[in-house]
Amino acid sequence: MSTTAPAPGTPGTLDISSTPRVPLGRLVSVELRKSLDTRAGRWFTGSIVALCLVIVVIFALVADGVGLTYGDFLLASGSVLGYFLPILIILMVTSEWSQRTGLVTFTLEPHRPRVVGAKFLAGLVLGGALIVLAAAIAALGAVLAGAEWSVETGLLVNGFVVANLIGIVLGFAIAMLLMNTPAAIVTYFIYTLVLPTAVAILSAFQEWFADLAPWIEFNTAQATLFEGDYVPTGEEAAQLVTSGLIWLVLPFVLGLLRLLRAEPK
């Protein structure tokens, strides 16, 4: 037994063949609005900004202004942002599955790769805005402390911008891989707190593991990004790429495949 689809224009059918796609820019704006529409999203974003401000102001009031530079305040503000920004990205991705709104989202836009791409672009836009705001907060701290207006290029590019962009991609990868808010946040804390501590302890007692750690542990390999204008050697760059493939690229690819195939409920 076979069935034939009714021709367009047949009474009782709806012809959507000529309906244009939703523009990608509109999808990105929707994802941005969704990330800030919820109470958790608004409060968490505001808390990140407030915490950066508090840390920088305390640093400006307590630290001796002699010898301080704008780069010192940039590092303080960027460290706070870099720690919590991936969690904000996790909430942006997992909310579709934790709050069970994915069915609505993927019904209104059935091309799931476009939704994922819009979420990623929205995360970059939101993260970029917070990076700029964190830099402005650092500038405020430098004014309060009377610090010198100087910053090493390596610190600005690698330690501040690149490090936070890596955090955005990492949060997105973990969120796609697990698609559950509590599990993704716990995994992120294990990755940023437990894993580096375990690696440092093992490296202190095993010389062979100390040589191996930068090749297999991404946090260890990123240490050179925070050393001002220091230029990594060829070996250090290879360590960064290798560990990044393990802890960043591979989870991102596996998470993307899982998200594209998962069944919304």
C-alpha atoms as a PDB file:
ATOM      1  CA  MET A   1       0.000   0.000   0.000  1.00  0.00           C
ATOM      2  CA  SER A   2       1.415   3.379  -0.935  1.00  0.00           C
ATOM      3  CA  THR A   3       0.365   6.925  -0.303  1.00  0.00           C
ATOM      4  CA  THR A   4       0.849  10.000  -2.426  1.00  0.00           C
ATOM      5  CA  ALA A   5       1.404  13.452  -0.953  1.00  0.00           C
ATOM      6  CA  PRO A   6      -1.287  15.924  -2.030  1.00  0.00           C
ATOM      7  CA  ALA A   7      -0.208  18.456  -4.604  1.00  0.00           C
ATOM      8  CA  PRO A   8       0.337  22.055  -3.484  1.00  0.00           C
ATOM      9  CA  GLY A   9      -2.840  24.061  -3.663  1.00  0.00           C
ATOM     10  CA  THR A  10      -5.076  21.062  -2.919  1.00  0.00           C
ATOM     11  CA  PRO A  11      -7.886  22.039  -0.519  1.00  0.00           C
ATOM     12  CA  GLY A  12      -7.016  21.144   3.054  1.00  0.00           C
ATOM     13  CA  THR A  13      -3.223  21.425   2.582  1.00  0.00           C
ATOM     14  CA  LEU A  14      -0.784  24.152   3.526  1.00  0.00           C
ATOM     15  CA  ASP A  15       1.917  24.975   0.982  1.00  0.00           C
ATOM     16  CA  ILE A  16       5.071  26.246   2.722  1.00  0.00           C
ATOM     17  CA  SER A  17       7.492  25.420  -0.080  1.00  0.00           C
ATOM     18  CA  SER A  18       7.982  29.083  -0.956  1.00  0.00           C
ATOM     19  CA  THR A  19       8.215  30.312   2.631  1.00  0.00           C
ATOM     20  CA  PRO A  20      11.645  31.936   3.184  1.00  0.00           C
ATOM     21  CA  ARG A  21      13.946  30.736   5.936  1.00  0.00           C
ATOM     22  CA  VAL A  22      14.185  32.632   9.178  1.00  0.00           C
ATOM     23  CA  PRO A  23      17.222  34.945   8.796  1.00  0.00           C
ATOM     24  CA  LEU A  24      20.251  33.856  10.803  1.00  0.00           C
ATOM     25  CA  GLY A  25      20.514  37.315  12.355  1.00  0.00           C
ATOM     26  CA  ARG A  26      16.997  36.947  13.744  1.00  0.00           C
ATOM     27  CA  LEU A  27      17.856  33.537  15.195  1.00  0.00           C
ATOM     28  CA  VAL A  28      20.931  35.009  16.884  1.00  0.00           C
ATOM     29  CA  SER A  29      18.899  37.878  18.343  1.00  0.00           C
ATOM     30  CA  VAL A  30      16.289  35.416  19.623  1.00  0.00           C
ATOM     31  CA  GLU A  31      18.969  33.302  21.313  1.00  0.00           C
ATOM     32  CA  LEU A  32      20.463  36.411  22.905  1.00  0.00           C
ATOM     33  CA  ARG A  33      17.070  37.445  24.199  1.00  0.00           C
ATOM     34  CA  LYS A  34      16.378  33.948  25.515  1.00  0.00           C
ATOM     35  CA  SER A  35      19.677  33.926  27.420  1.00  0.00           C
ATOM     36  CA  LEU A  36      18.696  37.104  29.274  1.00  0.00           C
ATOM     37  CA  ASP A  37      14.917  36.676  29.463  1.00  0.00           C
ATOM     38  CA  THR A  38      15.046  34.208  32.332  1.00  0.00           C
ATOM     39  CA  ARG A  39      15.620  35.304  35.898  1.00  0.00           C
ATOM     40  CA  ALA A  40      18.628  32.994  36.188  1.00  0.00           C
ATOM     41  CA  GLY A  41      20.212  34.407  33.036  1.00  0.00           C
ATOM     42  CA  ARG A  42      19.749  38.035  34.053  1.00  0.00           C
ATOM     43  CA  TRP A  43      20.928  37.561  37.620  1.00  0.00           C
ATOM     44  CA  PHE A  44      23.906  35.431  36.682  1.00  0.00           C
ATOM     45  CA  THR A  45      25.058  37.882  34.003  1.00  0.00           C
ATOM     46  CA  GLY A  46      24.655  40.782  36.403  1.00  0.00           C
ATOM     47  CA  SER A  47      26.467  38.860  39.128  1.00  0.00           C
ATOM     48  CA  ILE A  48      29.475  38.304  36.864  1.00  0.00           C
ATOM     49  CA  VAL A  49      29.716  42.026  36.119  1.00  0.00           C
ATOM     50  CA  ALA A  50      29.210  42.943  39.782  1.00  0.00           C
ATOM     51  CA  LEU A  51      31.844  40.461  40.938  1.00  0.00           C
ATOM     52  CA  CYS A  52      34.379  41.803  38.424  1.00  0.00           C
ATOM     53  CA  LEU A  53      33.668  45.304  39.705  1.00  0.00           C
ATOM     54  CA  VAL A  54      33.997  44.323  43.370  1.00  0.00           C
ATOM     55  CA  ILE A  55      37.290  42.456  42.836  1.00  0.00           C
ATOM     56  CA  VAL A  56      38.818  45.286  40.807  1.00  0.00           C
ATOM     57  CA  VAL A  57      37.739  47.997  43.278  1.00  0.00           C
ATOM     58  CA  ILE A  58      39.073  46.021  46.247  1.00  0.00           C
ATOM     59  CA  PHE A  59      42.324  45.459  44.379  1.00  0.00           C
ATOM     60  CA  ALA A  60      42.567  49.183  43.613  1.00  0.00           C
ATOM     61  CA  LEU A  61      41.921  50.211  47.234  1.00  0.00           C
ATOM     62  CA  VAL A  62      44.106  47.612  48.916  1.00  0.00           C
ATOM     63  CA  ALA A  63      47.066  47.272  46.566  1.00  0.00           C
ATOM     64  CA  ASP A  64      49.910  49.748  46.551  1.00  0.00           C
ATOM     65  CA  GLY A  65      49.483  51.894  43.465  1.00  0.00           C
ATOM     66  CA  VAL A  66      53.237  52.168  42.893  1.00  0.00           C
ATOM     67  CA  GLY A  67      54.288  49.901  40.050  1.00  0.00           C
ATOM     68  CA  LEU A  68      50.760  48.846  39.136  1.00  0.00           C
ATOM     69  CA  THR A  69      49.692  48.944  35.494  1.00  0.00           C
ATOM     70  CA  TYR A  70      46.433  48.631  33.608  1.00  0.00           C
ATOM     71  CA  GLY A  71      47.532  45.090  32.747  1.00  0.00           C
ATOM     72  CA  ASP A  72      47.375  44.100  36.441  1.00  0.00           C
ATOM     73  CA  PHE A  73      43.750  45.177  36.668  1.00  0.00           C
ATOM     74  CA  LEU A  74      42.977  43.577  33.316  1.00  0.00           C
ATOM     75  CA  LEU A  75      44.306  40.287  34.633  1.00  0.00           C
ATOM     76  CA  ALA A  76      42.206  40.578  37.813  1.00  0.00           C
ATOM     77  CA  SER A  77      39.008  41.404  35.937  1.00  0.00           C
ATOM     78  CA  GLY A  78      39.688  38.833  33.216  1.00  0.00           C
ATOM     79  CA  SER A  79      40.340  36.067  35.735  1.00  0.00           C
ATOM     80  CA  VAL A  80      36.899  36.533  37.299  1.00  0.00           C
ATOM     81  CA  LEU A  81      35.203  36.733  33.915  1.00  0.00           C
ATOM     82  CA  GLY A  82      37.089  33.738  32.541  1.00  0.00           C
ATOM     83  CA  TYR A  83      35.998  31.587  35.464  1.00  0.00           C
ATOM     84  CA  PHE A  84      32.255  32.292  35.257  1.00  0.00           C
ATOM     85  CA  LEU A  85      31.716  33.047  31.554  1.00  0.00           C
ATOM     86  CA  PRO A  86      31.672  29.344  30.524  1.00  0.00           C
ATOM     87  CA  ILE A  87      28.887  28.728  33.048  1.00  0.00           C
ATOM     88  CA  LEU A  88      26.801  31.437  31.388  1.00  0.00           C
ATOM     89  CA  ILE A  89      27.344  29.725  28.026  1.00  0.00           C
ATOM     90  CA  ILE A  90      26.375  26.384  29.575  1.00  0.00           C
ATOM     91  CA  LEU A  91      23.077  27.863  30.780  1.00  0.00           C
ATOM     92  CA  MET A  92      22.431  29.273  27.304  1.00  0.00           C
ATOM     93  CA  VAL A  93      22.740  25.833  25.672  1.00  0.00           C
ATOM     94  CA  THR A  94      21.291  23.480  28.278  1.00  0.00           C
ATOM     95  CA  SER A  95      18.189  25.585  28.961  1.00  0.00           C
ATOM     96  CA  GLU A  96      16.561  24.095  25.854  1.00  0.00           C
ATOM     97  CA  TRP A  97      16.811  20.634  27.380  1.00  0.00           C
ATOM     98  CA  SER A  98      16.536  21.317  31.124  1.00  0.00           C
ATOM     99  CA  GLN A  99      13.403  23.474  30.670  1.00  0.00           C
ATOM    100  CA  ARG A 100      12.082  21.309  27.820  1.00  0.00           C
ATOM    101  CA  THR A 101      11.709  24.168  25.338  1.00  0.00           C
ATOM    102  CA  GLY A 102      13.735  22.413  22.650  1.00  0.00           C
ATOM    103  CA  LEU A 103      10.613  20.959  21.024  1.00  0.00           C
ATOM    104  CA  VAL A 104       9.235  24.460  20.449  1.00  0.00           C
ATOM    105  CA  THR A 105      12.580  25.794  19.222  1.00  0.00           C
ATOM    106  CA  PHE A 106      13.199  22.992  16.752  1.00  0.00           C
ATOM    107  CA  THR A 107       9.614  23.096  15.529  1.00  0.00           C
ATOM    108  CA  LEU A 108       9.796  26.798  14.706  1.00  0.00           C
ATOM    109  CA  GLU A 109      13.216  26.260  13.092  1.00  0.00           C
ATOM    110  CA  PRO A 110      13.476  22.611  12.011  1.00  0.00           C
ATOM    111  CA  HIS A 111      16.994  23.015  10.615  1.00  0.00           C
ATOM    112  CA  ARG A 112      18.791  22.196  13.853  1.00  0.00           C
ATOM    113  CA  PRO A 113      22.337  23.107  12.670  1.00  0.00           C
ATOM    114  CA  ARG A 114      21.122  26.682  12.126  1.00  0.00           C
ATOM    115  CA  VAL A 115      19.816  26.819  15.695  1.00  0.00           C
ATOM    116  CA  VAL A 116      23.097  25.491  17.055  1.00  0.00           C
ATOM    117  CA  GLY A 117      25.048  27.972  14.943  1.00  0.00           C
ATOM    118  CA  ALA A 118      22.828  30.812  16.169  1.00  0.00           C
ATOM    119  CA  LYS A 119      23.400  29.768  19.771  1.00  0.00           C
ATOM    120  CA  PHE A 120      27.155  29.694  19.233  1.00  0.00           C
ATOM    121  CA  LEU A 121      27.163  33.122  17.586  1.00  0.00           C
ATOM    122  CA  ALA A 122      24.935  34.480  20.357  1.00  0.00           C
ATOM    123  CA  GLY A 123      27.389  33.116  22.910  1.00  0.00           C
ATOM    124  CA  LEU A 124      30.263  34.855  21.129  1.00  0.00           C
ATOM    125  CA  VAL A 125      28.327  38.134  21.011  1.00  0.00           C
ATOM    126  CA  LEU A 126      27.356  37.964  24.678  1.00  0.00           C
ATOM    127  CA  GLY A 127      30.844  36.867  25.680  1.00  0.00           C
ATOM    128  CA  GLY A 128      32.414  39.614  23.565  1.00  0.00           C
ATOM    129  CA  ALA A 129      30.212  42.223  25.218  1.00  0.00           C
ATOM    130  CA  LEU A 130      31.238  40.981  28.668  1.00  0.00           C
ATOM    131  CA  ILE A 131      34.913  40.982  27.648  1.00  0.00           C
ATOM    132  CA  VAL A 132      34.640  44.643  26.623  1.00  0.00           C
ATOM    133  CA  LEU A 133      32.802  45.455  29.847  1.00  0.00           C
ATOM    134  CA  ALA A 134      35.449  43.648  31.913  1.00  0.00           C
ATOM    135  CA  ALA A 135      38.140  45.706  30.168  1.00  0.00           C
ATOM    136  CA  ALA A 136      36.221  48.889  31.037  1.00  0.00           C
ATOM    137  CA  ILE A 137      35.957  47.794  34.670  1.00  0.00           C
ATOM    138  CA  ALA A 138      39.714  47.178  34.689  1.00  0.00           C
ATOM    139  CA  ALA A 139      40.207  50.709  33.360  1.00  0.00           C
ATOM    140  CA  LEU A 140      38.092  52.045  36.242  1.00  0.00           C
ATOM    141  CA  GLY A 141      40.313  50.210  38.717  1.00  0.00           C
ATOM    142  CA  ALA A 142      43.418  51.645  37.084  1.00  0.00           C
ATOM    143  CA  VAL A 143      41.979  55.157  37.471  1.00  0.00           C
ATOM    144  CA  LEU A 144      41.139  54.594  41.153  1.00  0.00           C
ATOM    145  CA  ALA A 145      44.635  53.276  41.875  1.00  0.00           C
ATOM    146  CA  GLY A 146      46.451  55.810  39.722  1.00  0.00           C
ATOM    147  CA  ALA A 147      48.134  52.979  37.843  1.00  0.00           C
ATOM    148  CA  GLU A 148      50.218  53.348  34.707  1.00  0.00           C
ATOM    149  CA  TRP A 149      48.352  52.996  31.429  1.00  0.00           C
ATOM    150  CA  SER A 150      50.395  50.175  30.011  1.00  0.00           C
ATOM    151  CA  VAL A 151      49.644  46.556  29.197  1.00  0.00           C
ATOM    152  CA  GLU A 152      51.709  43.855  27.558  1.00  0.00           C
ATOM    153  CA  THR A 153      50.364  42.812  24.180  1.00  0.00           C
ATOM    154  CA  GLY A 154      50.613  39.132  25.030  1.00  0.00           C
ATOM    155  CA  LEU A 155      48.599  39.623  28.211  1.00  0.00           C
ATOM    156  CA  LEU A 156      45.894  41.589  26.412  1.00  0.00           C
ATOM    157  CA  VAL A 157      45.575  39.235  23.442  1.00  0.00           C
ATOM    158  CA  ASN A 158      46.373  35.832  24.937  1.00  0.00           C
ATOM    159  CA  GLY A 159      45.721  36.130  28.645  1.00  0.00           C
ATOM    160  CA  PHE A 160      42.548  38.180  28.313  1.00  0.00           C
ATOM    161  CA  VAL A 161      40.841  37.859  24.926  1.00  0.00           C
ATOM    162  CA  VAL A 162      41.979  34.408  23.729  1.00  0.00           C
ATOM    163  CA  ALA A 163      41.651  32.801  27.161  1.00  0.00           C
ATOM    164  CA  ASN A 164      38.044  34.002  27.491  1.00  0.00           C
ATOM    165  CA  LEU A 165      37.203  32.899  23.953  1.00  0.00           C
ATOM    166  CA  ILE A 166      38.559  29.450  24.807  1.00  0.00           C
ATOM    167  CA  GLY A 167      36.289  29.479  27.849  1.00  0.00           C
ATOM    168  CA  ILE A 168      33.272  30.233  25.645  1.00  0.00           C
ATOM    169  CA  VAL A 169      34.053  27.309  23.332  1.00  0.00           C
ATOM    170  CA  LEU A 170      34.734  25.026  26.314  1.00  0.00           C
ATOM    171  CA  GLY A 171      31.413  25.862  27.971  1.00  0.00           C
ATOM    172  CA  PHE A 172      29.581  25.336  24.688  1.00  0.00           C
ATOM    173  CA  ALA A 173      31.285  21.965  24.155  1.00  0.00           C
ATOM    174  CA  ILE A 174      30.490  20.673  27.661  1.00  0.00           C
ATOM    175  CA  ALA A 175      26.887  21.859  27.388  1.00  0.00           C
ATOM    176  CA  MET A 176      26.328  20.127  24.042  1.00  0.00           C
ATOM    177  CA  LEU A 177      27.995  16.942  25.236  1.00  0.00           C
ATOM    178  CA  LEU A 178      25.886  16.575  28.407  1.00  0.00           C
ATOM    179  CA  MET A 179      22.752  18.655  27.621  1.00  0.00           C
ATOM    180  CA  ASN A 180      21.964  18.868  31.332  1.00  0.00           C
ATOM    181  CA  THR A 181      22.612  21.995  33.399  1.00  0.00           C
ATOM    182  CA  PRO A 182      23.706  20.465  36.752  1.00  0.00           C
ATOM    183  CA  ALA A 183      25.847  17.785  35.097  1.00  0.00           C
ATOM    184  CA  ALA A 184      27.519  20.313  32.783  1.00  0.00           C
ATOM    185  CA  ILE A 185      28.305  22.765  35.606  1.00  0.00           C
ATOM    186  CA  VAL A 186      29.692  20.018  37.845  1.00  0.00           C
ATOM    187  CA  THR A 187      31.823  18.728  34.963  1.00  0.00           C
ATOM    188  CA  TYR A 188      33.116  22.237  34.332  1.00  0.00           C
ATOM    189  CA  PHE A 189      34.148  22.643  37.977  1.00  0.00           C
ATOM    190  CA  ILE A 190      35.864  19.256  37.921  1.00  0.00           C
ATOM    191  CA  TYR A 191      37.733  20.304  34.787  1.00  0.00           C
ATOM    192  CA  THR A 192      38.811  23.699  36.158  1.00  0.00           C
ATOM    193  CA  LEU A 193      39.423  22.815  39.828  1.00  0.00           C
ATOM    194  CA  VAL A 194      39.892  19.108  40.436  1.00  0.00           C
ATOM    195  CA  LEU A 195      41.765  18.099  37.287  1.00  0.00           C
ATOM    196  CA  PRO A 196      44.520  20.790  37.445  1.00  0.00           C
ATOM    197  CA  THR A 197      45.065  20.061  41.159  1.00  0.00           C
ATOM    198  CA  ALA A 198      45.360  16.325  40.536  1.00  0.00           C
ATOM    199  CA  VAL A 199      47.750  16.912  37.635  1.00  0.00           C
ATOM    200  CA  ALA A 200      49.894  19.282  39.718  1.00  0.00           C
ATOM    201  CA  ILE A 201      50.133  16.799  42.601  1.00  0.00           C
ATOM    202  CA  LEU A 202      51.000  13.908  40.331  1.00  0.00           C
ATOM    203  CA  SER A 203      53.537  16.024  38.441  1.00  0.00           C
ATOM    204  CA  ALA A 204      55.253  16.949  41.711  1.00  0.00           C
ATOM    205  CA  PHE A 205      55.876  13.294  42.549  1.00  0.00           C
ATOM    206  CA  GLN A 206      56.388  11.800  39.088  1.00  0.00           C
ATOM    207  CA  GLU A 207      58.912  13.485  36.813  1.00  0.00           C
ATOM    208  CA  TRP A 208      57.805  11.538  33.766  1.00  0.00           C
ATOM    209  CA  PHE A 209      54.225  12.768  34.255  1.00  0.00           C
ATOM    210  CA  ALA A 210      55.401  16.368  34.640  1.00  0.00           C
ATOM    211  CA  ASP A 211      56.847  16.132  31.125  1.00  0.00           C
ATOM    212  CA  LEU A 212      53.700  14.471  29.798  1.00  0.00           C
ATOM    213  CA  ALA A 213      51.108  16.742  31.489  1.00  0.00           C
ATOM    214  CA  PRO A 214      51.260  19.695  29.024  1.00  0.00           C
ATOM    215  CA  TRP A 215      50.591  17.298  26.161  1.00  0.00           C
ATOM    216  CA  ILE A 216      47.415  15.813  27.669  1.00  0.00           C
ATOM    217  CA  GLU A 217      46.078  18.497  30.072  1.00  0.00           C
ATOM    218  CA  PHE A 218      44.754  21.698  28.524  1.00  0.00           C
ATOM    219  CA  ASN A 219      44.958  23.875  31.658  1.00  0.00           C
ATOM    220  CA  THR A 220      48.658  23.112  32.048  1.00  0.00           C
ATOM    221  CA  ALA A 221      49.346  23.831  28.391  1.00  0.00           C
ATOM    222  CA  GLN A 222      47.575  27.221  28.633  1.00  0.00           C
ATOM    223  CA  ALA A 223      49.918  28.488  31.359  1.00  0.00           C
ATOM    224  CA  THR A 224      52.116  30.310  28.826  1.00  0.00           C
ATOM    225  CA  LEU A 225      49.142  32.417  27.701  1.00  0.00           C
ATOM    226  CA  PHE A 226      49.273  34.324  30.984  1.00  0.00           C
ATOM    227  CA  GLU A 227      52.960  35.207  30.896  1.00  0.00           C
ATOM    228  CA  GLY A 228      52.780  38.649  29.332  1.00  0.00           C
ATOM    229  CA  ASP A 229      54.715  39.056  26.104  1.00  0.00           C
ATOM    230  CA  TYR A 230      56.276  35.627  26.410  1.00  0.00           C
ATOM    231  CA  VAL A 231      56.236  33.833  23.049  1.00  0.00           C
ATOM    232  CA  PRO A 232      55.666  30.060  23.314  1.00  0.00           C
ATOM    233  CA  THR A 233      58.288  27.815  21.783  1.00  0.00           C
ATOM    234  CA  GLY A 234      57.433  25.365  19.036  1.00  0.00           C
ATOM    235  CA  GLU A 235      57.113  22.565  21.569  1.00  0.00           C
ATOM    236  CA  GLU A 236      54.815  24.612  23.812  1.00  0.00           C
ATOM    237  CA  ALA A 237      52.640  25.545  20.834  1.00  0.00           C
ATOM    238  CA  ALA A 238      52.438  21.851  19.882  1.00  0.00           C
ATOM    239  CA  GLN A 239      51.441  21.001  23.461  1.00  0.00           C
ATOM    240  CA  LEU A 240      48.700  23.618  23.348  1.00  0.00           C
ATOM    241  CA  VAL A 241      47.343  22.280  20.064  1.00  0.00           C
ATOM    242  CA  THR A 242      47.518  18.622  21.139  1.00  0.00           C
ATOM    243  CA  SER A 243      45.844  19.091  24.513  1.00  0.00           C
ATOM    244  CA  GLY A 244      43.324  21.437  22.907  1.00  0.00           C
ATOM    245  CA  LEU A 245      42.324  18.736  20.443  1.00  0.00           C
ATOM    246  CA  ILE A 246      41.731  16.363  23.368  1.00  0.00           C
ATOM    247  CA  TRP A 247      39.866  18.683  25.731  1.00  0.00           C
ATOM    248  CA  LEU A 248      38.294  21.229  23.393  1.00  0.00           C
ATOM    249  CA  VAL A 249      37.883  20.039  19.797  1.00  0.00           C
ATOM    250  CA  LEU A 250      36.940  16.414  20.510  1.00  0.00           C
ATOM    251  CA  PRO A 251      34.244  17.240  23.122  1.00  0.00           C
ATOM    252  CA  PHE A 252      32.911  19.962  20.812  1.00  0.00           C
ATOM    253  CA  VAL A 253      32.571  17.572  17.855  1.00  0.00           C
ATOM    254  CA  LEU A 254      31.055  14.758  19.939  1.00  0.00           C
ATOM    255  CA  GLY A 255      28.692  17.188  21.641  1.00  0.00           C
ATOM    256  CA  LEU A 256      27.609  18.653  18.323  1.00  0.00           C
ATOM    257  CA  LEU A 257      26.868  15.196  16.919  1.00  0.00           C
ATOM    258  CA  ARG A 258      24.868  14.283  20.001  1.00  0.00           C
ATOM    259  CA  LEU A 259      22.869  17.511  20.027  1.00  0.00           C
ATOM    260  CA  LEU A 260      22.019  17.219  16.338  1.00  0.00           C
ATOM    261  CA  ARG A 261      20.695  13.699  16.834  1.00  0.00           C
ATOM    262  CA  ALA A 262      19.035  14.034  20.250  1.00  0.00           C
ATOM    263  CA  GLU A 263      15.262  13.764  20.450  1.00  0.00           C
ATOM    264  CA  PRO A 264      13.575  16.799  22.062  1.00  0.00           C
ATOM    265  CA  LYS A 265      10.984  15.906  24.685  1.00  0.00           C
END
